[in-house]
């Protein structure tokens, strides 16, 4: 695999999942197929998921007798596999490199394209969200999902401008946000970075999808099965860290994105290693986009699946 399609933390994921012949593994975020190819190369059966219909082109040539690609959300993976049926699940969270690189998808503030940002081909677009969301809710989205300190200022500016002219293009919105914040003034990070992240997460319901995907993996994994999750920013990593810590009996409580959980349940996971693994200097030199990646992993115990409190 070359260029933008290099899978992040591949060696670490393979080491944690331990693929081999006779194992059935789930690649919950197929993308360009980097993880799936590695798992298939080790002899495993792979069931892959991707809600982006364009991902199917990357499945050409993969062995049909051991590989299946499902167009759908990874939060429903256990519906496809059945309960306690798989030996491993890997989730690579967030937007893919090729989605960022394809201007027509509307994910990037560096390339002009329609203000879309949908991972799937249906539902409201980023333009719908930016042009129609009530001001206070738009500010909340920018603050919570983008951790944007100037969220109210940006939301007010957007609300005023859209009354006269709705936003339709990515560069149009990025340049407007930059201007609303007073320009770059030597900043290394584009002023629209956090806002674009927030809008993308909201459009695709990424955090609630991650919560549901972790719970689906818990249901789908056999005792001894392994869960690996690669994240790229603090919001995602916080959810994964909390989920695994709670399920491993390390931390009381649950996530702010999910209902409270029963506290007396037996640990359903055992952490594979403490903390998170990060890319090596060698990987970062070859793939700078891996710089914020973190891998957390755990092994499914034989305890029952945890259930949300009524």
Foldseek 3Di string as FASTA:
>chain_A
DDDQQADFPQVVVCVQQVAAAPFEEEEADCALNNNVVVNVVRRAQYEYEFLAPVSVVSCPPPDPVRYHYDNDHLLCVCVVQPFQRGQEYEYEADDGRVCQVDQQNQLHLVHKYWQALERHDDDDGLLCCLLPPDLVVQLVLLCPQLVDPCSNLLSVQSNVVSVPPGDTMSPVSQVSQCVSVPHCVPPPDRSCVSVSRSSNCVRHVRLLSLLSSVLSCLGHHHQFHKYKYKYQDDSSVVQVVQVQCQLQVNDPWHDPSDATWDNPFHRQKDWPDPDWDADDPVVCVRPVSRHRMTMTMIGTHNTDRTDHDD
